[in-house]
Amino acid sequence: MKVCPKCNQQYDDDNLNFCLSDGELLMETAGGDADADATPTVYMDSPRVTNQNWEQQEPAQVQPNPAPQQMAQQPFAAPQTYQATVTPDKTLATVSLVLGILSLVLMCCYLGIPLGAGAAITGFIGMNRVNTDPDKYGGKELAIIGLVLGGISFVLSMLLIIGGILGAIFD
């Protein structure tokens, strides 16, 4: 027989492990023959030590678990840091290139001015970032191309607008 320690409800089914009303772990009553039917405790081996140093390929040695008092006194080892390869950030350079291309394509819709200015500004900022910190930022060529395309589109759009105004005046 099992009993819930929280609500004191008793269960005759020995297959139940949790209380049906509150989910608490059921306890065996003292009068039952719990020791005869109980599953024996399984003692597992201690975990294997993983190889944290990739350069040394020595086999890992398994040590027995120390006593709890010894475990509390052992300091934790500092984690090893590995230098990961990081690709330089090319976001502004890519944005500059895309805006430069779009400004040339959409110049006929009078979007060459805002897109060209945006391409020139992001290209200039991207180029300055590459010059100040080349390890962190990249894409200098993309930034230069975006800056040039944005500048060309801006100038051509301005000439298109001025030509349209002059054409309307002289007609």
C-alpha atoms as a PDB file:
ATOM      1  CA  MET A   1       0.000   0.000   0.000  1.00  0.00           C
ATOM      2  CA  LYS A   2       1.204   3.516  -0.820  1.00  0.00           C
ATOM      3  CA  VAL A   3       0.287   6.835   0.753  1.00  0.00           C
ATOM      4  CA  CYS A   4       0.656  10.441  -0.414  1.00  0.00           C
ATOM      5  CA  PRO A   5       2.699  12.472   2.118  1.00  0.00           C
ATOM      6  CA  LYS A   6       0.955  15.698   1.093  1.00  0.00           C
ATOM      7  CA  CYS A   7      -2.754  14.808   1.160  1.00  0.00           C
ATOM      8  CA  ASN A   8      -2.529  11.455   3.065  1.00  0.00           C
ATOM      9  CA  GLN A   9      -4.587   9.659   0.426  1.00  0.00           C
ATOM     10  CA  GLN A  10      -3.936   5.895   0.342  1.00  0.00           C
ATOM     11  CA  TYR A  11      -3.599   3.804  -2.819  1.00  0.00           C
ATOM     12  CA  ASP A  12      -3.797   0.006  -3.017  1.00  0.00           C
ATOM     13  CA  ASP A  13      -2.255  -0.143  -6.500  1.00  0.00           C
ATOM     14  CA  ASP A  14       1.489  -0.811  -6.116  1.00  0.00           C
ATOM     15  CA  ASN A  15       2.130   0.278  -9.729  1.00  0.00           C
ATOM     16  CA  LEU A  16       1.283   3.918  -8.945  1.00  0.00           C
ATOM     17  CA  ASN A  17       4.235   6.149  -8.152  1.00  0.00           C
ATOM     18  CA  PHE A  18       2.551   9.559  -7.946  1.00  0.00           C
ATOM     19  CA  CYS A  19      -0.590  10.853  -6.242  1.00  0.00           C
ATOM     20  CA  LEU A  20      -3.519  11.231  -8.640  1.00  0.00           C
ATOM     21  CA  SER A  21      -4.845  14.374  -6.963  1.00  0.00           C
ATOM     22  CA  ASP A  22      -1.711  16.483  -6.408  1.00  0.00           C
ATOM     23  CA  GLY A  23       1.128  14.652  -8.238  1.00  0.00           C
ATOM     24  CA  GLU A  24       3.287  14.106  -5.127  1.00  0.00           C
ATOM     25  CA  LEU A  25       5.612  11.081  -4.992  1.00  0.00           C
ATOM     26  CA  LEU A  26       3.888   8.231  -3.131  1.00  0.00           C
ATOM     27  CA  MET A  27       5.602   6.603  -0.150  1.00  0.00           C
ATOM     28  CA  GLU A  28       5.403   2.973   0.910  1.00  0.00           C
ATOM     29  CA  THR A  29       3.585   2.345   4.159  1.00  0.00           C
ATOM     30  CA  ALA A  30       5.582   0.740   6.965  1.00  0.00           C
ATOM     31  CA  GLY A  31       3.282  -2.272   7.193  1.00  0.00           C
ATOM     32  CA  GLY A  32       3.782  -3.400   3.563  1.00  0.00           C
ATOM     33  CA  ASP A  33       6.424  -5.779   2.276  1.00  0.00           C
ATOM     34  CA  ALA A  34       8.171  -3.064   0.250  1.00  0.00           C
ATOM     35  CA  ASP A  35      11.725  -4.368   0.640  1.00  0.00           C
ATOM     36  CA  ALA A  36      10.926  -7.741  -0.924  1.00  0.00           C
ATOM     37  CA  ASP A  37       9.388  -6.303  -4.128  1.00  0.00           C
ATOM     38  CA  ALA A  38      11.568  -3.184  -4.467  1.00  0.00           C
ATOM     39  CA  THR A  39      13.859  -2.854  -7.457  1.00  0.00           C
ATOM     40  CA  PRO A  40      17.500  -3.092  -6.402  1.00  0.00           C
ATOM     41  CA  THR A  41      19.607   0.053  -6.631  1.00  0.00           C
ATOM     42  CA  VAL A  42      21.867   0.159  -9.658  1.00  0.00           C
ATOM     43  CA  TYR A  43      25.294   1.706  -9.050  1.00  0.00           C
ATOM     44  CA  MET A  44      26.672   3.318 -12.175  1.00  0.00           C
ATOM     45  CA  ASP A  45      30.306   3.743 -13.089  1.00  0.00           C
ATOM     46  CA  SER A  46      31.846   7.168 -12.653  1.00  0.00           C
ATOM     47  CA  PRO A  47      31.677   9.340 -15.794  1.00  0.00           C
ATOM     48  CA  ARG A  48      34.591   9.261 -18.176  1.00  0.00           C
ATOM     49  CA  VAL A  49      36.887  12.241 -18.336  1.00  0.00           C
ATOM     50  CA  THR A  50      36.610  14.035 -21.651  1.00  0.00           C
ATOM     51  CA  ASN A  51      39.652  15.187 -23.557  1.00  0.00           C
ATOM     52  CA  GLN A  52      39.670  18.982 -23.307  1.00  0.00           C
ATOM     53  CA  ASN A  53      43.023  19.496 -24.985  1.00  0.00           C
ATOM     54  CA  TRP A  54      42.720  18.774 -28.700  1.00  0.00           C
ATOM     55  CA  GLU A  55      46.452  18.782 -29.285  1.00  0.00           C
ATOM     56  CA  GLN A  56      47.202  15.910 -26.917  1.00  0.00           C
ATOM     57  CA  GLN A  57      45.561  12.657 -27.895  1.00  0.00           C
ATOM     58  CA  GLU A  58      46.192  10.657 -24.726  1.00  0.00           C
ATOM     59  CA  PRO A  59      43.563   8.159 -23.604  1.00  0.00           C
ATOM     60  CA  ALA A  60      41.283   9.454 -20.883  1.00  0.00           C
ATOM     61  CA  GLN A  61      41.790   7.982 -17.438  1.00  0.00           C
ATOM     62  CA  VAL A  62      38.765   7.257 -15.297  1.00  0.00           C
ATOM     63  CA  GLN A  63      39.190   8.051 -11.638  1.00  0.00           C
ATOM     64  CA  PRO A  64      36.926   6.764  -8.880  1.00  0.00           C
ATOM     65  CA  ASN A  65      34.489   9.203  -7.343  1.00  0.00           C
ATOM     66  CA  PRO A  66      36.013  11.001  -4.341  1.00  0.00           C
ATOM     67  CA  ALA A  67      34.171  11.278  -1.074  1.00  0.00           C
ATOM     68  CA  PRO A  68      31.640  14.153  -0.870  1.00  0.00           C
ATOM     69  CA  GLN A  69      33.902  16.066   1.543  1.00  0.00           C
ATOM     70  CA  GLN A  70      36.780  15.903  -0.925  1.00  0.00           C
ATOM     71  CA  MET A  71      34.546  17.014  -3.787  1.00  0.00           C
ATOM     72  CA  ALA A  72      33.514  20.145  -1.886  1.00  0.00           C
ATOM     73  CA  GLN A  73      37.152  21.107  -1.350  1.00  0.00           C
ATOM     74  CA  GLN A  74      38.265  20.656  -4.966  1.00  0.00           C
ATOM     75  CA  PRO A  75      38.310  23.907  -6.959  1.00  0.00           C
ATOM     76  CA  PHE A  76      36.795  23.954 -10.404  1.00  0.00           C
ATOM     77  CA  ALA A  77      39.204  24.085 -13.319  1.00  0.00           C
ATOM     78  CA  ALA A  78      39.095  27.171 -15.494  1.00  0.00           C
ATOM     79  CA  PRO A  79      37.556  26.405 -18.881  1.00  0.00           C
ATOM     80  CA  GLN A  80      39.905  26.386 -21.808  1.00  0.00           C
ATOM     81  CA  THR A  81      39.216  28.950 -24.467  1.00  0.00           C
ATOM     82  CA  TYR A  82      39.738  28.202 -28.129  1.00  0.00           C
ATOM     83  CA  GLN A  83      40.295  30.847 -30.750  1.00  0.00           C
ATOM     84  CA  ALA A  84      37.425  30.586 -33.209  1.00  0.00           C
ATOM     85  CA  THR A  85      37.804  31.881 -36.717  1.00  0.00           C
ATOM     86  CA  VAL A  86      35.498  34.831 -37.175  1.00  0.00           C
ATOM     87  CA  THR A  87      34.636  36.147 -40.602  1.00  0.00           C
ATOM     88  CA  PRO A  88      34.754  39.929 -40.916  1.00  0.00           C
ATOM     89  CA  ASP A  89      31.461  41.802 -40.886  1.00  0.00           C
ATOM     90  CA  LYS A  90      30.562  42.949 -44.419  1.00  0.00           C
ATOM     91  CA  THR A  91      27.032  44.168 -43.708  1.00  0.00           C
ATOM     92  CA  LEU A  92      27.467  47.876 -44.473  1.00  0.00           C
ATOM     93  CA  ALA A  93      29.521  47.154 -47.570  1.00  0.00           C
ATOM     94  CA  THR A  94      26.860  44.774 -48.881  1.00  0.00           C
ATOM     95  CA  VAL A  95      24.066  47.263 -48.121  1.00  0.00           C
ATOM     96  CA  SER A  96      26.017  49.960 -49.959  1.00  0.00           C
ATOM     97  CA  LEU A  97      26.444  47.737 -53.015  1.00  0.00           C
ATOM     98  CA  VAL A  98      22.755  46.754 -53.090  1.00  0.00           C
ATOM     99  CA  LEU A  99      21.616  50.375 -52.683  1.00  0.00           C
ATOM    100  CA  GLY A 100      24.015  51.482 -55.430  1.00  0.00           C
ATOM    101  CA  ILE A 101      22.671  48.894 -57.869  1.00  0.00           C
ATOM    102  CA  LEU A 102      19.053  49.710 -56.983  1.00  0.00           C
ATOM    103  CA  SER A 103      19.686  53.430 -57.360  1.00  0.00           C
ATOM    104  CA  LEU A 104      20.928  52.922 -60.925  1.00  0.00           C
ATOM    105  CA  VAL A 105      18.017  50.645 -61.817  1.00  0.00           C
ATOM    106  CA  LEU A 106      15.367  52.884 -60.231  1.00  0.00           C
ATOM    107  CA  MET A 107      16.868  56.175 -61.424  1.00  0.00           C
ATOM    108  CA  CYS A 108      14.030  56.577 -63.933  1.00  0.00           C
ATOM    109  CA  CYS A 109      11.511  56.549 -61.073  1.00  0.00           C
ATOM    110  CA  TYR A 110      13.358  59.411 -59.323  1.00  0.00           C
ATOM    111  CA  LEU A 111      14.623  57.029 -56.644  1.00  0.00           C
ATOM    112  CA  GLY A 112      18.227  57.548 -57.708  1.00  0.00           C
ATOM    113  CA  ILE A 113      18.647  60.481 -55.349  1.00  0.00           C
ATOM    114  CA  PRO A 114      17.647  58.857 -52.028  1.00  0.00           C
ATOM    115  CA  LEU A 115      19.038  55.416 -52.877  1.00  0.00           C
ATOM    116  CA  GLY A 116      22.232  56.905 -54.322  1.00  0.00           C
ATOM    117  CA  ALA A 117      22.749  59.048 -51.231  1.00  0.00           C
ATOM    118  CA  GLY A 118      22.141  56.024 -49.008  1.00  0.00           C
ATOM    119  CA  ALA A 119      24.616  53.948 -51.029  1.00  0.00           C
ATOM    120  CA  ALA A 120      27.247  56.666 -50.826  1.00  0.00           C
ATOM    121  CA  ILE A 121      26.794  57.158 -47.064  1.00  0.00           C
ATOM    122  CA  THR A 122      26.823  53.451 -46.165  1.00  0.00           C
ATOM    123  CA  GLY A 123      29.773  52.885 -48.524  1.00  0.00           C
ATOM    124  CA  PHE A 124      31.730  55.685 -46.861  1.00  0.00           C
ATOM    125  CA  ILE A 125      30.975  54.403 -43.352  1.00  0.00           C
ATOM    126  CA  GLY A 126      31.794  50.833 -44.368  1.00  0.00           C
ATOM    127  CA  MET A 127      35.113  51.933 -45.882  1.00  0.00           C
ATOM    128  CA  ASN A 128      36.045  53.857 -42.736  1.00  0.00           C
ATOM    129  CA  ARG A 129      35.221  50.841 -40.547  1.00  0.00           C
ATOM    130  CA  VAL A 130      37.430  48.582 -42.672  1.00  0.00           C
ATOM    131  CA  ASN A 131      40.280  51.104 -42.449  1.00  0.00           C
ATOM    132  CA  THR A 132      40.021  51.465 -38.648  1.00  0.00           C
ATOM    133  CA  ASP A 133      39.520  47.782 -37.736  1.00  0.00           C
ATOM    134  CA  PRO A 134      40.315  45.390 -40.610  1.00  0.00           C
ATOM    135  CA  ASP A 135      40.142  42.313 -38.330  1.00  0.00           C
ATOM    136  CA  LYS A 136      36.514  42.958 -37.416  1.00  0.00           C
ATOM    137  CA  TYR A 137      35.157  44.519 -40.619  1.00  0.00           C
ATOM    138  CA  GLY A 138      35.605  43.553 -44.263  1.00  0.00           C
ATOM    139  CA  GLY A 139      34.278  44.205 -47.744  1.00  0.00           C
ATOM    140  CA  LYS A 140      36.240  47.313 -48.643  1.00  0.00           C
ATOM    141  CA  GLU A 141      35.855  46.566 -52.359  1.00  0.00           C
ATOM    142  CA  LEU A 142      32.071  46.228 -52.008  1.00  0.00           C
ATOM    143  CA  ALA A 143      31.906  49.518 -50.111  1.00  0.00           C
ATOM    144  CA  ILE A 144      33.929  51.315 -52.794  1.00  0.00           C
ATOM    145  CA  ILE A 145      31.744  49.920 -55.592  1.00  0.00           C
ATOM    146  CA  GLY A 146      28.570  50.893 -53.693  1.00  0.00           C
ATOM    147  CA  LEU A 147      29.946  54.371 -53.027  1.00  0.00           C
ATOM    148  CA  VAL A 148      30.827  54.899 -56.715  1.00  0.00           C
ATOM    149  CA  LEU A 149      27.500  53.529 -57.998  1.00  0.00           C
ATOM    150  CA  GLY A 150      25.578  55.646 -55.493  1.00  0.00           C
ATOM    151  CA  GLY A 151      27.519  58.768 -56.458  1.00  0.00           C
ATOM    152  CA  ILE A 152      27.001  58.169 -60.181  1.00  0.00           C
ATOM    153  CA  SER A 153      23.299  57.518 -59.664  1.00  0.00           C
ATOM    154  CA  PHE A 154      22.915  60.629 -57.502  1.00  0.00           C
ATOM    155  CA  VAL A 155      24.608  62.872 -60.085  1.00  0.00           C
ATOM    156  CA  LEU A 156      22.705  61.356 -63.022  1.00  0.00           C
ATOM    157  CA  SER A 157      19.388  61.665 -61.167  1.00  0.00           C
ATOM    158  CA  MET A 158      20.098  65.312 -60.415  1.00  0.00           C
ATOM    159  CA  LEU A 159      20.922  65.898 -64.103  1.00  0.00           C
ATOM    160  CA  LEU A 160      17.710  64.072 -65.070  1.00  0.00           C
ATOM    161  CA  ILE A 161      15.624  66.281 -62.788  1.00  0.00           C
ATOM    162  CA  ILE A 162      17.358  69.482 -63.929  1.00  0.00           C
ATOM    163  CA  GLY A 163      16.904  68.433 -67.572  1.00  0.00           C
ATOM    164  CA  GLY A 164      13.214  67.785 -66.929  1.00  0.00           C
ATOM    165  CA  ILE A 165      12.756  71.183 -65.327  1.00  0.00           C
ATOM    166  CA  LEU A 166      14.633  72.968 -68.115  1.00  0.00           C
ATOM    167  CA  GLY A 167      12.682  71.027 -70.752  1.00  0.00           C
ATOM    168  CA  ALA A 168       9.402  72.086 -69.151  1.00  0.00           C
ATOM    169  CA  ILE A 169      10.520  75.720 -68.984  1.00  0.00           C
ATOM    170  CA  PHE A 170      11.599  75.960 -72.643  1.00  0.00           C
ATOM    171  CA  ASP A 171       8.555  74.165 -74.065  1.00  0.00           C
END
